[in-house]
Amino acid sequence: MTLVALHTILREGREADYDVAHARIPDELMEAHRRAGIRDWRIWRSGRNCFHLVECDDFAAAVALLDQDPANERWQAFIGDYVDHLEPGPTGEPALPLIWRMHDQEAG
């Protein structure tokens, strides 16, 4: 299993609407995520900054499958009104690099 952290920035004034939109995402999108190998997706928000933690089998493969899924296309068209942009990581990749993990230090 892979853990991927993402950082998105919301459009000014759309924070509360974004929260409401995520109270329950469409069932067809949940099914698309499962088919793509996504096991869990958590989102935390601080102001306009959203931090996502995605648990999946293979993130690149999941994104490739979702990019072709009609349920995800509909969701992206809808949620795009709320999201300004995905903040790239330091190497230009969408994911944030893991810097430290307590469990790894304890195991070493």
PDB file of N, CA and C in Angstrom:
ATOM      1  N   MET A   1       0.844  -1.184   0.000  1.00  0.00           N
ATOM      2  CA  MET A   1       0.000   0.000   0.000  1.00  0.00           C
ATOM      3  C   MET A   1       0.889   1.247   0.000  1.00  0.00           C
ATOM      4  N   THR A   2       0.416   2.280  -0.669  1.00  0.00           N
ATOM      5  CA  THR A   2       1.118   3.544  -0.778  1.00  0.00           C
ATOM      6  C   THR A   2       0.321   4.646  -0.101  1.00  0.00           C
ATOM      7  N   LEU A   3       1.000   5.545   0.592  1.00  0.00           N
ATOM      8  CA  LEU A   3       0.396   6.748   1.147  1.00  0.00           C
ATOM      9  C   LEU A   3       0.911   7.934   0.348  1.00  0.00           C
ATOM     10  N   VAL A   4      -0.004   8.779  -0.114  1.00  0.00           N
ATOM     11  CA  VAL A   4       0.367   9.955  -0.892  1.00  0.00           C
ATOM     12  C   VAL A   4      -0.281  11.172  -0.255  1.00  0.00           C
ATOM     13  N   ALA A   5       0.518  12.211  -0.027  1.00  0.00           N
ATOM     14  CA  ALA A   5       0.011  13.473   0.516  1.00  0.00           C
ATOM     15  C   ALA A   5      -0.068  14.494  -0.607  1.00  0.00           C
ATOM     16  N   LEU A   6      -1.182  15.201  -0.678  1.00  0.00           N
ATOM     17  CA  LEU A   6      -1.417  16.234  -1.682  1.00  0.00           C
ATOM     18  C   LEU A   6      -1.798  17.538  -0.994  1.00  0.00           C
ATOM     19  N   HIS A   7      -1.577  18.647  -1.678  1.00  0.00           N
ATOM     20  CA  HIS A   7      -1.908  19.965  -1.141  1.00  0.00           C
ATOM     21  C   HIS A   7      -2.652  20.739  -2.221  1.00  0.00           C
ATOM     22  N   THR A   8      -3.887  21.102  -1.943  1.00  0.00           N
ATOM     23  CA  THR A   8      -4.653  21.925  -2.875  1.00  0.00           C
ATOM     24  C   THR A   8      -4.994  23.255  -2.210  1.00  0.00           C
ATOM     25  N   ILE A   9      -5.195  24.259  -3.055  1.00  0.00           N
ATOM     26  CA  ILE A   9      -5.569  25.592  -2.588  1.00  0.00           C
ATOM     27  C   ILE A   9      -6.969  25.883  -3.124  1.00  0.00           C
ATOM     28  N   LEU A  10      -7.863  26.293  -2.221  1.00  0.00           N
ATOM     29  CA  LEU A  10      -9.236  26.602  -2.609  1.00  0.00           C
ATOM     30  C   LEU A  10      -9.350  28.025  -3.136  1.00  0.00           C
ATOM     31  N   ARG A  11     -10.372  28.240  -3.918  1.00  0.00           N
ATOM     32  CA  ARG A  11     -10.675  29.599  -4.385  1.00  0.00           C
ATOM     33  C   ARG A  11     -11.136  30.428  -3.181  1.00  0.00           C
ATOM     34  N   GLU A  12     -10.783  31.691  -3.184  1.00  0.00           N
ATOM     35  CA  GLU A  12     -11.162  32.613  -2.110  1.00  0.00           C
ATOM     36  C   GLU A  12     -12.671  32.585  -1.908  1.00  0.00           C
ATOM     37  N   GLY A  13     -13.095  32.421  -0.655  1.00  0.00           N
ATOM     38  CA  GLY A  13     -14.514  32.456  -0.311  1.00  0.00           C
ATOM     39  C   GLY A  13     -15.276  31.165  -0.559  1.00  0.00           C
ATOM     40  N   ARG A  14     -14.611  30.099  -1.022  1.00  0.00           N
ATOM     41  CA  ARG A  14     -15.303  28.841  -1.326  1.00  0.00           C
ATOM     42  C   ARG A  14     -15.059  27.769  -0.270  1.00  0.00           C
ATOM     43  N   GLU A  15     -14.425  28.148   0.831  1.00  0.00           N
ATOM     44  CA  GLU A  15     -14.038  27.171   1.846  1.00  0.00           C
ATOM     45  C   GLU A  15     -15.240  26.413   2.410  1.00  0.00           C
ATOM     46  N   ALA A  16     -16.251  27.118   2.866  1.00  0.00           N
ATOM     47  CA  ALA A  16     -17.416  26.462   3.466  1.00  0.00           C
ATOM     48  C   ALA A  16     -18.159  25.623   2.439  1.00  0.00           C
ATOM     49  N   ASP A  17     -18.244  26.111   1.207  1.00  0.00           N
ATOM     50  CA  ASP A  17     -18.909  25.347   0.150  1.00  0.00           C
ATOM     51  C   ASP A  17     -18.162  24.049  -0.144  1.00  0.00           C
ATOM     52  N   TYR A  18     -16.843  24.115  -0.110  1.00  0.00           N
ATOM     53  CA  TYR A  18     -16.018  22.923  -0.338  1.00  0.00           C
ATOM     54  C   TYR A  18     -16.311  21.882   0.750  1.00  0.00           C
ATOM     55  N   ASP A  19     -16.392  22.347   1.982  1.00  0.00           N
ATOM     56  CA  ASP A  19     -16.711  21.429   3.084  1.00  0.00           C
ATOM     57  C   ASP A  19     -18.061  20.764   2.861  1.00  0.00           C
ATOM     58  N   VAL A  20     -19.049  21.550   2.475  1.00  0.00           N
ATOM     59  CA  VAL A  20     -20.392  21.012   2.227  1.00  0.00           C
ATOM     60  C   VAL A  20     -20.350  20.005   1.084  1.00  0.00           C
ATOM     61  N   ALA A  21     -19.628  20.318   0.027  1.00  0.00           N
ATOM     62  CA  ALA A  21     -19.533  19.424  -1.127  1.00  0.00           C
ATOM     63  C   ALA A  21     -18.921  18.079  -0.743  1.00  0.00           C
ATOM     64  N   HIS A  22     -18.106  18.064   0.305  1.00  0.00           N
ATOM     65  CA  HIS A  22     -17.466  16.825   0.733  1.00  0.00           C
ATOM     66  C   HIS A  22     -18.178  16.151   1.908  1.00  0.00           C
ATOM     67  N   ALA A  23     -19.316  16.672   2.305  1.00  0.00           N
ATOM     68  CA  ALA A  23     -20.069  15.994   3.365  1.00  0.00           C
ATOM     69  C   ALA A  23     -20.377  14.559   2.933  1.00  0.00           C
ATOM     70  N   ARG A  24     -20.629  14.393   1.652  1.00  0.00           N
ATOM     71  CA  ARG A  24     -20.823  13.063   1.067  1.00  0.00           C
ATOM     72  C   ARG A  24     -20.570  13.192  -0.429  1.00  0.00           C
ATOM     73  N   ILE A  25     -19.535  12.507  -0.911  1.00  0.00           N
ATOM     74  CA  ILE A  25     -19.271  12.552  -2.342  1.00  0.00           C
ATOM     75  C   ILE A  25     -20.185  11.539  -3.032  1.00  0.00           C
ATOM     76  N   PRO A  26     -20.394  11.667  -4.337  1.00  0.00           N
ATOM     77  CA  PRO A  26     -21.289  10.740  -5.032  1.00  0.00           C
ATOM     78  C   PRO A  26     -20.837   9.283  -4.900  1.00  0.00           C
ATOM     79  N   ASP A  27     -21.816   8.397  -4.751  1.00  0.00           N
ATOM     80  CA  ASP A  27     -21.513   6.969  -4.635  1.00  0.00           C
ATOM     81  C   ASP A  27     -20.750   6.465  -5.858  1.00  0.00           C
ATOM     82  N   GLU A  28     -21.088   6.964  -7.041  1.00  0.00           N
ATOM     83  CA  GLU A  28     -20.395   6.511  -8.247  1.00  0.00           C
ATOM     84  C   GLU A  28     -18.916   6.907  -8.214  1.00  0.00           C
ATOM     85  N   LEU A  29     -18.588   8.013  -7.561  1.00  0.00           N
ATOM     86  CA  LEU A  29     -17.191   8.410  -7.423  1.00  0.00           C
ATOM     87  C   LEU A  29     -16.475   7.507  -6.425  1.00  0.00           C
ATOM     88  N   MET A  30     -17.153   7.164  -5.343  1.00  0.00           N
ATOM     89  CA  MET A  30     -16.577   6.213  -4.375  1.00  0.00           C
ATOM     90  C   MET A  30     -16.260   4.894  -5.069  1.00  0.00           C
ATOM     91  N   GLU A  31     -17.185   4.412  -5.897  1.00  0.00           N
ATOM     92  CA  GLU A  31     -16.970   3.159  -6.629  1.00  0.00           C
ATOM     93  C   GLU A  31     -15.795   3.284  -7.591  1.00  0.00           C
ATOM     94  N   ALA A  32     -15.674   4.430  -8.259  1.00  0.00           N
ATOM     95  CA  ALA A  32     -14.548   4.662  -9.170  1.00  0.00           C
ATOM     96  C   ALA A  32     -13.228   4.632  -8.409  1.00  0.00           C
ATOM     97  N   HIS A  33     -13.208   5.242  -7.222  1.00  0.00           N
ATOM     98  CA  HIS A  33     -11.996   5.225  -6.394  1.00  0.00           C
ATOM     99  C   HIS A  33     -11.621   3.793  -6.027  1.00  0.00           C
ATOM    100  N   ARG A  34     -12.593   3.009  -5.632  1.00  0.00           N
ATOM    101  CA  ARG A  34     -12.329   1.614  -5.250  1.00  0.00           C
ATOM    102  C   ARG A  34     -11.777   0.826  -6.440  1.00  0.00           C
ATOM    103  N   ARG A  35     -12.386   1.001  -7.610  1.00  0.00           N
ATOM    104  CA  ARG A  35     -11.897   0.307  -8.813  1.00  0.00           C
ATOM    105  C   ARG A  35     -10.466   0.703  -9.148  1.00  0.00           C
ATOM    106  N   ALA A  36     -10.107   1.946  -8.829  1.00  0.00           N
ATOM    107  CA  ALA A  36      -8.762   2.450  -9.114  1.00  0.00           C
ATOM    108  C   ALA A  36      -7.746   2.039  -8.051  1.00  0.00           C
ATOM    109  N   GLY A  37      -8.195   1.340  -7.015  1.00  0.00           N
ATOM    110  CA  GLY A  37      -7.277   0.885  -5.967  1.00  0.00           C
ATOM    111  C   GLY A  37      -7.082   1.865  -4.827  1.00  0.00           C
ATOM    112  N   ILE A  38      -7.954   2.868  -4.727  1.00  0.00           N
ATOM    113  CA  ILE A  38      -7.879   3.816  -3.614  1.00  0.00           C
ATOM    114  C   ILE A  38      -8.652   3.226  -2.448  1.00  0.00           C
ATOM    115  N   ARG A  39      -7.983   3.065  -1.325  1.00  0.00           N
ATOM    116  CA  ARG A  39      -8.592   2.444  -0.148  1.00  0.00           C
ATOM    117  C   ARG A  39      -9.174   3.475   0.818  1.00  0.00           C
ATOM    118  N   ASP A  40      -8.526   4.634   0.887  1.00  0.00           N
ATOM    119  CA  ASP A  40      -9.012   5.687   1.769  1.00  0.00           C
ATOM    120  C   ASP A  40      -8.463   7.017   1.273  1.00  0.00           C
ATOM    121  N   TRP A  41      -9.203   8.086   1.553  1.00  0.00           N
ATOM    122  CA  TRP A  41      -8.784   9.439   1.162  1.00  0.00           C
ATOM    123  C   TRP A  41      -9.273  10.371   2.256  1.00  0.00           C
ATOM    124  N   ARG A  42      -8.346  11.027   2.936  1.00  0.00           N
ATOM    125  CA  ARG A  42      -8.684  11.967   4.013  1.00  0.00           C
ATOM    126  C   ARG A  42      -8.302  13.368   3.577  1.00  0.00           C
ATOM    127  N   ILE A  43      -9.094  14.352   4.004  1.00  0.00           N
ATOM    128  CA  ILE A  43      -8.801  15.745   3.685  1.00  0.00           C
ATOM    129  C   ILE A  43      -8.902  16.573   4.960  1.00  0.00           C
ATOM    130  N   TRP A  44      -7.866  17.365   5.207  1.00  0.00           N
ATOM    131  CA  TRP A  44      -7.874  18.353   6.274  1.00  0.00           C
ATOM    132  C   TRP A  44      -7.819  19.724   5.615  1.00  0.00           C
ATOM    133  N   ARG A  45      -8.487  20.696   6.223  1.00  0.00           N
ATOM    134  CA  ARG A  45      -8.472  22.044   5.658  1.00  0.00           C
ATOM    135  C   ARG A  45      -8.071  23.048   6.719  1.00  0.00           C
ATOM    136  N   SER A  46      -7.189  23.974   6.337  1.00  0.00           N
ATOM    137  CA  SER A  46      -6.815  25.118   7.160  1.00  0.00           C
ATOM    138  C   SER A  46      -6.930  26.340   6.254  1.00  0.00           C
ATOM    139  N   GLY A  47      -7.976  27.129   6.480  1.00  0.00           N
ATOM    140  CA  GLY A  47      -8.224  28.262   5.591  1.00  0.00           C
ATOM    141  C   GLY A  47      -8.490  27.769   4.187  1.00  0.00           C
ATOM    142  N   ARG A  48      -7.720  28.260   3.228  1.00  0.00           N
ATOM    143  CA  ARG A  48      -7.878  27.848   1.837  1.00  0.00           C
ATOM    144  C   ARG A  48      -7.012  26.643   1.484  1.00  0.00           C
ATOM    145  N   ASN A  49      -6.185  26.194   2.415  1.00  0.00           N
ATOM    146  CA  ASN A  49      -5.272  25.076   2.173  1.00  0.00           C
ATOM    147  C   ASN A  49      -5.908  23.759   2.568  1.00  0.00           C
ATOM    148  N   CYS A  50      -5.926  22.813   1.630  1.00  0.00           N
ATOM    149  CA  CYS A  50      -6.423  21.460   1.906  1.00  0.00           C
ATOM    150  C   CYS A  50      -5.265  20.489   1.786  1.00  0.00           C
ATOM    151  N   PHE A  51      -5.167  19.607   2.759  1.00  0.00           N
ATOM    152  CA  PHE A  51      -4.127  18.593   2.777  1.00  0.00           C
ATOM    153  C   PHE A  51      -4.812  17.236   2.708  1.00  0.00           C
ATOM    154  N   HIS A  52      -4.424  16.444   1.724  1.00  0.00           N
ATOM    155  CA  HIS A  52      -5.053  15.161   1.430  1.00  0.00           C
ATOM    156  C   HIS A  52      -4.064  14.046   1.752  1.00  0.00           C
ATOM    157  N   LEU A  53      -4.558  12.964   2.305  1.00  0.00           N
ATOM    158  CA  LEU A  53      -3.765  11.758   2.496  1.00  0.00           C
ATOM    159  C   LEU A  53      -4.524  10.632   1.799  1.00  0.00           C
ATOM    160  N   VAL A  54      -3.904  10.072   0.769  1.00  0.00           N
ATOM    161  CA  VAL A  54      -4.527   9.040  -0.052  1.00  0.00           C
ATOM    162  C   VAL A  54      -3.815   7.718   0.203  1.00  0.00           C
ATOM    163  N   GLU A  55      -4.591   6.692   0.559  1.00  0.00           N
ATOM    164  CA  GLU A  55      -4.063   5.339   0.705  1.00  0.00           C
ATOM    165  C   GLU A  55      -4.505   4.557  -0.520  1.00  0.00           C
ATOM    166  N   CYS A  56      -3.528   4.029  -1.264  1.00  0.00           N
ATOM    167  CA  CYS A  56      -3.881   3.322  -2.487  1.00  0.00           C
ATOM    168  C   CYS A  56      -2.836   2.269  -2.823  1.00  0.00           C
ATOM    169  N   ASP A  57      -3.177   1.456  -3.820  1.00  0.00           N
ATOM    170  CA  ASP A  57      -2.241   0.440  -4.282  1.00  0.00           C
ATOM    171  C   ASP A  57      -1.118   1.095  -5.079  1.00  0.00           C
ATOM    172  N   ASP A  58      -1.472   1.947  -6.033  1.00  0.00           N
ATOM    173  CA  ASP A  58      -0.500   2.602  -6.927  1.00  0.00           C
ATOM    174  C   ASP A  58      -1.123   3.930  -7.350  1.00  0.00           C
ATOM    175  N   PHE A  59      -0.591   5.036  -6.838  1.00  0.00           N
ATOM    176  CA  PHE A  59      -1.203   6.343  -7.069  1.00  0.00           C
ATOM    177  C   PHE A  59      -1.207   6.724  -8.545  1.00  0.00           C
ATOM    178  N   ALA A  60      -0.099   6.544  -9.234  1.00  0.00           N
ATOM    179  CA  ALA A  60      -0.029   6.907 -10.654  1.00  0.00           C
ATOM    180  C   ALA A  60      -1.041   6.103 -11.463  1.00  0.00           C
ATOM    181  N   ALA A  61      -1.164   4.819 -11.177  1.00  0.00           N
ATOM    182  CA  ALA A  61      -2.132   3.978 -11.885  1.00  0.00           C
ATOM    183  C   ALA A  61      -3.563   4.405 -11.547  1.00  0.00           C
ATOM    184  N   ALA A  62      -3.806   4.753 -10.291  1.00  0.00           N
ATOM    185  CA  ALA A  62      -5.144   5.196  -9.885  1.00  0.00           C
ATOM    186  C   ALA A  62      -5.535   6.470 -10.619  1.00  0.00           C
ATOM    187  N   VAL A  63      -4.613   7.429 -10.690  1.00  0.00           N
ATOM    188  CA  VAL A  63      -4.891   8.689 -11.382  1.00  0.00           C
ATOM    189  C   VAL A  63      -5.158   8.430 -12.858  1.00  0.00           C
ATOM    190  N   ALA A  64      -4.382   7.549 -13.465  1.00  0.00           N
ATOM    191  CA  ALA A  64      -4.574   7.228 -14.880  1.00  0.00           C
ATOM    192  C   ALA A  64      -5.956   6.631 -15.124  1.00  0.00           C
ATOM    193  N   LEU A  65      -6.393   5.735 -14.247  1.00  0.00           N
ATOM    194  CA  LEU A  65      -7.733   5.154 -14.385  1.00  0.00           C
ATOM    195  C   LEU A  65      -8.821   6.194 -14.156  1.00  0.00           C
ATOM    196  N   LEU A  66      -8.653   7.009 -13.120  1.00  0.00           N
ATOM    197  CA  LEU A  66      -9.665   8.012 -12.810  1.00  0.00           C
ATOM    198  C   LEU A  66      -9.771   9.070 -13.903  1.00  0.00           C
ATOM    199  N   ASP A  67      -8.662   9.379 -14.559  1.00  0.00           N
ATOM    200  CA  ASP A  67      -8.688  10.375 -15.634  1.00  0.00           C
ATOM    201  C   ASP A  67      -9.602   9.953 -16.784  1.00  0.00           C
ATOM    202  N   GLN A  68      -9.886   8.660 -16.877  1.00  0.00           N
ATOM    203  CA  GLN A  68     -10.737   8.144 -17.943  1.00  0.00           C
ATOM    204  C   GLN A  68     -12.129   7.749 -17.451  1.00  0.00           C
ATOM    205  N   ASP A  69     -12.412   7.970 -16.195  1.00  0.00           N
ATOM    206  CA  ASP A  69     -13.679   7.532 -15.614  1.00  0.00           C
ATOM    207  C   ASP A  69     -14.718   8.651 -15.677  1.00  0.00           C
ATOM    208  N   PRO A  70     -15.902   8.385 -16.251  1.00  0.00           N
ATOM    209  CA  PRO A  70     -16.934   9.427 -16.351  1.00  0.00           C
ATOM    210  C   PRO A  70     -17.377  10.002 -14.999  1.00  0.00           C
ATOM    211  N   ALA A  71     -17.427   9.176 -13.959  1.00  0.00           N
ATOM    212  CA  ALA A  71     -17.828   9.676 -12.633  1.00  0.00           C
ATOM    213  C   ALA A  71     -16.804  10.687 -12.132  1.00  0.00           C
ATOM    214  N   ASN A  72     -15.531  10.407 -12.342  1.00  0.00           N
ATOM    215  CA  ASN A  72     -14.482  11.333 -11.921  1.00  0.00           C
ATOM    216  C   ASN A  72     -14.495  12.585 -12.788  1.00  0.00           C
ATOM    217  N   GLU A  73     -14.756  12.455 -14.074  1.00  0.00           N
ATOM    218  CA  GLU A  73     -14.849  13.631 -14.948  1.00  0.00           C
ATOM    219  C   GLU A  73     -15.947  14.578 -14.468  1.00  0.00           C
ATOM    220  N   ARG A  74     -17.094  14.009 -14.103  1.00  0.00           N
ATOM    221  CA  ARG A  74     -18.203  14.834 -13.584  1.00  0.00           C
ATOM    222  C   ARG A  74     -17.806  15.510 -12.272  1.00  0.00           C
ATOM    223  N   TRP A  75     -17.149  14.760 -11.390  1.00  0.00           N
ATOM    224  CA  TRP A  75     -16.727  15.318 -10.100  1.00  0.00           C
ATOM    225  C   TRP A  75     -15.716  16.443 -10.304  1.00  0.00           C
ATOM    226  N   GLN A  76     -14.740  16.233 -11.167  1.00  0.00           N
ATOM    227  CA  GLN A  76     -13.716  17.254 -11.402  1.00  0.00           C
ATOM    228  C   GLN A  76     -14.341  18.529 -11.971  1.00  0.00           C
ATOM    229  N   ALA A  77     -15.315  18.377 -12.865  1.00  0.00           N
ATOM    230  CA  ALA A  77     -16.004  19.554 -13.412  1.00  0.00           C
ATOM    231  C   ALA A  77     -16.746  20.302 -12.307  1.00  0.00           C
ATOM    232  N   PHE A  78     -17.351  19.557 -11.394  1.00  0.00           N
ATOM    233  CA  PHE A  78     -18.094  20.153 -10.280  1.00  0.00           C
ATOM    234  C   PHE A  78     -17.156  20.789  -9.258  1.00  0.00           C
ATOM    235  N   ILE A  79     -16.165  20.032  -8.792  1.00  0.00           N
ATOM    236  CA  ILE A  79     -15.319  20.502  -7.688  1.00  0.00           C
ATOM    237  C   ILE A  79     -14.323  21.561  -8.161  1.00  0.00           C
ATOM    238  N   GLY A  80     -14.108  21.636  -9.469  1.00  0.00           N
ATOM    239  CA  GLY A  80     -13.209  22.650 -10.020  1.00  0.00           C
ATOM    240  C   GLY A  80     -13.658  24.064  -9.726  1.00  0.00           C
ATOM    241  N   ASP A  81     -14.946  24.249  -9.455  1.00  0.00           N
ATOM    242  CA  ASP A  81     -15.449  25.572  -9.080  1.00  0.00           C
ATOM    243  C   ASP A  81     -14.954  25.999  -7.695  1.00  0.00           C
ATOM    244  N   TYR A  82     -14.510  25.053  -6.901  1.00  0.00           N
ATOM    245  CA  TYR A  82     -14.068  25.320  -5.536  1.00  0.00           C
ATOM    246  C   TYR A  82     -12.545  25.374  -5.408  1.00  0.00           C
ATOM    247  N   VAL A  83     -11.858  24.609  -6.240  1.00  0.00           N
ATOM    248  CA  VAL A  83     -10.411  24.447  -6.119  1.00  0.00           C
ATOM    249  C   VAL A  83      -9.686  25.391  -7.078  1.00  0.00           C
ATOM    250  N   ASP A  84      -8.768  26.172  -6.531  1.00  0.00           N
ATOM    251  CA  ASP A  84      -7.962  27.057  -7.359  1.00  0.00           C
ATOM    252  C   ASP A  84      -6.886  26.261  -8.090  1.00  0.00           C
ATOM    253  N   HIS A  85      -6.122  25.460  -7.320  1.00  0.00           N
ATOM    254  CA  HIS A  85      -5.084  24.655  -7.962  1.00  0.00           C
ATOM    255  C   HIS A  85      -4.509  23.622  -6.993  1.00  0.00           C
ATOM    256  N   LEU A  86      -3.847  22.635  -7.600  1.00  0.00           N
ATOM    257  CA  LEU A  86      -3.074  21.646  -6.857  1.00  0.00           C
ATOM    258  C   LEU A  86      -1.670  22.207  -6.724  1.00  0.00           C
ATOM    259  N   GLU A  87      -1.200  22.302  -5.521  1.00  0.00           N
ATOM    260  CA  GLU A  87       0.131  22.842  -5.252  1.00  0.00           C
ATOM    261  C   GLU A  87       1.160  21.732  -5.528  1.00  0.00           C
ATOM    262  N   PRO A  88       2.096  21.941  -6.452  1.00  0.00           N
ATOM    263  CA  PRO A  88       3.082  20.890  -6.728  1.00  0.00           C
ATOM    264  C   PRO A  88       4.088  20.756  -5.599  1.00  0.00           C
ATOM    265  N   GLY A  89       4.636  19.557  -5.475  1.00  0.00           N
ATOM    266  CA  GLY A  89       5.711  19.329  -4.516  1.00  0.00           C
ATOM    267  C   GLY A  89       6.993  19.984  -5.009  1.00  0.00           C
ATOM    268  N   PRO A  90       8.066  19.891  -4.252  1.00  0.00           N
ATOM    269  CA  PRO A  90       9.310  20.584  -4.600  1.00  0.00           C
ATOM    270  C   PRO A  90       9.929  20.132  -5.920  1.00  0.00           C
ATOM    271  N   THR A  91       9.614  18.931  -6.377  1.00  0.00           N
ATOM    272  CA  THR A  91      10.177  18.451  -7.646  1.00  0.00           C
ATOM    273  C   THR A  91       9.190  18.598  -8.795  1.00  0.00           C
ATOM    274  N   GLY A  92       8.066  19.272  -8.537  1.00  0.00           N
ATOM    275  CA  GLY A  92       7.061  19.449  -9.572  1.00  0.00           C
ATOM    276  C   GLY A  92       6.013  18.351  -9.607  1.00  0.00           C
ATOM    277  N   GLU A  93       6.244  17.292  -8.868  1.00  0.00           N
ATOM    278  CA  GLU A  93       5.265  16.211  -8.774  1.00  0.00           C
ATOM    279  C   GLU A  93       4.078  16.686  -7.943  1.00  0.00           C
ATOM    280  N   PRO A  94       2.898  16.076  -8.132  1.00  0.00           N
ATOM    281  CA  PRO A  94       1.749  16.530  -7.347  1.00  0.00           C
ATOM    282  C   PRO A  94       1.835  16.158  -5.870  1.00  0.00           C
ATOM    283  N   ALA A  95       2.584  15.117  -5.549  1.00  0.00           N
ATOM    284  CA  ALA A  95       2.629  14.627  -4.179  1.00  0.00           C
ATOM    285  C   ALA A  95       3.685  15.351  -3.349  1.00  0.00           C
ATOM    286  N   LEU A  96       3.395  15.490  -2.082  1.00  0.00           N
ATOM    287  CA  LEU A  96       4.351  16.048  -1.131  1.00  0.00           C
ATOM    288  C   LEU A  96       5.275  14.932  -0.647  1.00  0.00           C
ATOM    289  N   PRO A  97       6.574  15.176  -0.567  1.00  0.00           N
ATOM    290  CA  PRO A  97       7.481  14.124  -0.105  1.00  0.00           C
ATOM    291  C   PRO A  97       7.372  13.927   1.406  1.00  0.00           C
ATOM    292  N   LEU A  98       7.503  12.686   1.837  1.00  0.00           N
ATOM    293  CA  LEU A  98       7.528  12.365   3.259  1.00  0.00           C
ATOM    294  C   LEU A  98       8.901  12.742   3.817  1.00  0.00           C
ATOM    295  N   ILE A  99       8.904  13.540   4.852  1.00  0.00           N
ATOM    296  CA  ILE A  99      10.146  14.000   5.460  1.00  0.00           C
ATOM    297  C   ILE A  99      10.524  13.155   6.677  1.00  0.00           C
ATOM    298  N   TRP A 100       9.552  12.834   7.516  1.00  0.00           N
ATOM    299  CA  TRP A 100       9.828  12.109   8.748  1.00  0.00           C
ATOM    300  C   TRP A 100       8.585  11.350   9.162  1.00  0.00           C
ATOM    301  N   ARG A 101       8.826  10.200   9.762  1.00  0.00           N
ATOM    302  CA  ARG A 101       7.729   9.397  10.312  1.00  0.00           C
ATOM    303  C   ARG A 101       8.209   8.763  11.617  1.00  0.00           C
ATOM    304  N   MET A 102       7.465   8.956  12.678  1.00  0.00           N
ATOM    305  CA  MET A 102       7.823   8.436  13.983  1.00  0.00           C
ATOM    306  C   MET A 102       8.062   6.933  13.945  1.00  0.00           C
ATOM    307  N   HIS A 103       7.155   6.212  13.305  1.00  0.00           N
ATOM    308  CA  HIS A 103       7.256   4.748  13.238  1.00  0.00           C
ATOM    309  C   HIS A 103       8.581   4.306  12.610  1.00  0.00           C
ATOM    310  N   ASP A 104       8.999   4.999  11.553  1.00  0.00           N
ATOM    311  CA  ASP A 104      10.261   4.637  10.893  1.00  0.00           C
ATOM    312  C   ASP A 104      11.457   4.850  11.820  1.00  0.00           C
ATOM    313  N   GLN A 105      11.440   5.908  12.595  1.00  0.00           N
ATOM    314  CA  GLN A 105      12.540   6.178  13.515  1.00  0.00           C
ATOM    315  C   GLN A 105      12.577   5.140  14.622  1.00  0.00           C
ATOM    316  N   GLU A 106      11.404   4.770  15.120  1.00  0.00           N
ATOM    317  CA  GLU A 106      11.338   3.789  16.199  1.00  0.00           C
ATOM    318  C   GLU A 106      11.793   2.407  15.713  1.00  0.00           C
ATOM    319  N   ALA A 107      11.501   2.081  14.456  1.00  0.00           N
ATOM    320  CA  ALA A 107      11.862   0.770  13.903  1.00  0.00           C
ATOM    321  C   ALA A 107      13.361   0.658  13.619  1.00  0.00           C
ATOM    322  N   GLY A 108      14.009   1.808  13.401  1.00  0.00           N
ATOM    323  CA  GLY A 108      15.437   1.799  13.014  1.00  0.00           C
ATOM    324  C   GLY A 108      16.283   1.728  14.193  1.00  0.00           C
TER     325      GLY A 108
END
